[in-house]
Protein backbone atom coordinates (compact mmCIF):
# COMPACT_ATOMS: atom_id res chain seq x y z
CA MET A 1 -11.06 -144.70 -17.35
CA PRO A 2 -13.89 -147.23 -17.36
CA ARG A 3 -17.07 -146.28 -19.09
CA LEU A 4 -20.47 -146.87 -17.57
CA GLY A 5 -21.07 -149.30 -20.44
CA ALA A 6 -18.15 -151.41 -19.25
CA LEU A 7 -19.64 -151.52 -15.76
CA ALA A 8 -23.11 -152.41 -17.07
CA PRO A 9 -22.65 -154.15 -20.44
CA GLU A 10 -26.34 -155.01 -20.68
CA VAL A 11 -27.13 -151.30 -21.09
CA SER A 12 -26.87 -149.94 -24.62
CA ASP A 13 -26.76 -146.23 -23.67
CA TRP A 14 -25.27 -144.97 -20.41
CA THR A 15 -28.11 -142.48 -20.00
CA GLU A 16 -30.46 -145.46 -19.53
CA ILE A 17 -28.78 -145.91 -16.14
CA LEU A 18 -29.84 -142.38 -15.20
CA ALA A 19 -33.37 -142.96 -16.45
CA THR A 20 -33.63 -146.21 -14.46
CA THR A 21 -32.33 -144.48 -11.34
CA GLU A 22 -34.95 -141.74 -11.74
CA TRP A 23 -37.71 -144.30 -12.28
CA GLN A 24 -36.65 -146.32 -9.20
CA ALA A 25 -36.74 -143.12 -7.13
CA GLY A 26 -40.33 -142.47 -8.25
CA ARG A 27 -39.46 -139.56 -10.52
CA SER A 28 -40.37 -139.30 -14.17
CA ALA A 29 -37.48 -140.09 -16.46
CA ALA A 30 -36.96 -138.27 -19.71
CA ARG A 31 -34.84 -139.11 -22.72
CA TYR A 32 -31.39 -137.82 -21.83
CA ASN A 33 -28.75 -136.37 -24.13
CA PRO A 34 -25.46 -138.24 -23.52
CA ARG A 35 -23.52 -135.04 -24.29
CA ASP A 36 -25.28 -132.98 -21.62
CA LEU A 37 -22.57 -131.74 -19.25
CA SER A 38 -24.91 -131.73 -16.25
CA LEU A 39 -25.59 -135.44 -16.78
CA ILE A 40 -21.90 -136.21 -17.15
CA LEU A 41 -21.14 -134.37 -13.90
CA ARG A 42 -24.02 -136.19 -12.26
CA SER A 43 -22.59 -139.55 -13.31
CA ILE A 44 -19.33 -138.58 -11.59
CA THR A 45 -20.88 -137.29 -8.37
CA GLU A 46 -23.90 -139.54 -7.67
CA SER A 47 -24.36 -143.12 -6.60
CA PHE A 48 -26.20 -145.31 -9.11
CA GLY A 49 -27.69 -148.25 -7.26
CA SER A 50 -25.61 -151.39 -7.56
CA LEU A 51 -23.00 -149.48 -9.60
CA ARG A 52 -22.51 -147.21 -6.59
CA TYR A 53 -20.10 -144.40 -7.54
CA PRO A 54 -18.82 -145.77 -10.87
CA PHE A 55 -15.85 -143.42 -11.17
CA ALA A 56 -14.72 -143.36 -7.54
CA GLU A 57 -11.91 -145.85 -8.14
CA VAL A 58 -10.40 -143.97 -11.09
CA LEU A 59 -10.94 -140.36 -10.05
CA GLY A 60 -9.23 -138.98 -7.01
CA ARG A 61 -11.21 -137.26 -4.30
CA GLN A 62 -10.06 -133.85 -5.55
CA SER A 63 -11.39 -134.56 -9.05
CA GLN A 64 -14.72 -135.64 -7.60
CA ASN A 65 -14.81 -132.43 -5.54
CA TRP A 66 -14.18 -130.35 -8.67
CA ALA A 67 -17.03 -132.14 -10.45
CA SER A 68 -19.29 -131.35 -7.49
CA GLU A 69 -18.25 -127.70 -7.57
CA LEU A 70 -18.93 -127.48 -11.31
CA ARG A 71 -22.31 -129.10 -10.78
CA ASN A 72 -23.19 -126.65 -7.99
CA VAL A 73 -22.20 -123.64 -10.10
CA SER A 74 -24.19 -124.97 -13.03
CA ASN A 75 -27.26 -125.51 -10.82
CA GLU A 76 -26.98 -121.96 -9.42
CA ASN A 77 -27.02 -120.51 -12.93
CA GLU A 78 -30.13 -122.38 -14.11
């Protein structure tokens, strides 16, 4: 499975991609923990600018749906 770092080698930490996406959307970006499950699920289920959906080619649609379900359940319990 490719890592976000392989898709964007100029980025030292994959969470920088999330922070940049937040900043570009006009939201404040915090320092993210790369082991935060909600961020990992987000990286699977969201489009990230020119990277688009970075895991779409390696994860089947069912796997992406499961990640979305897990993310929804997690958001409901916050």
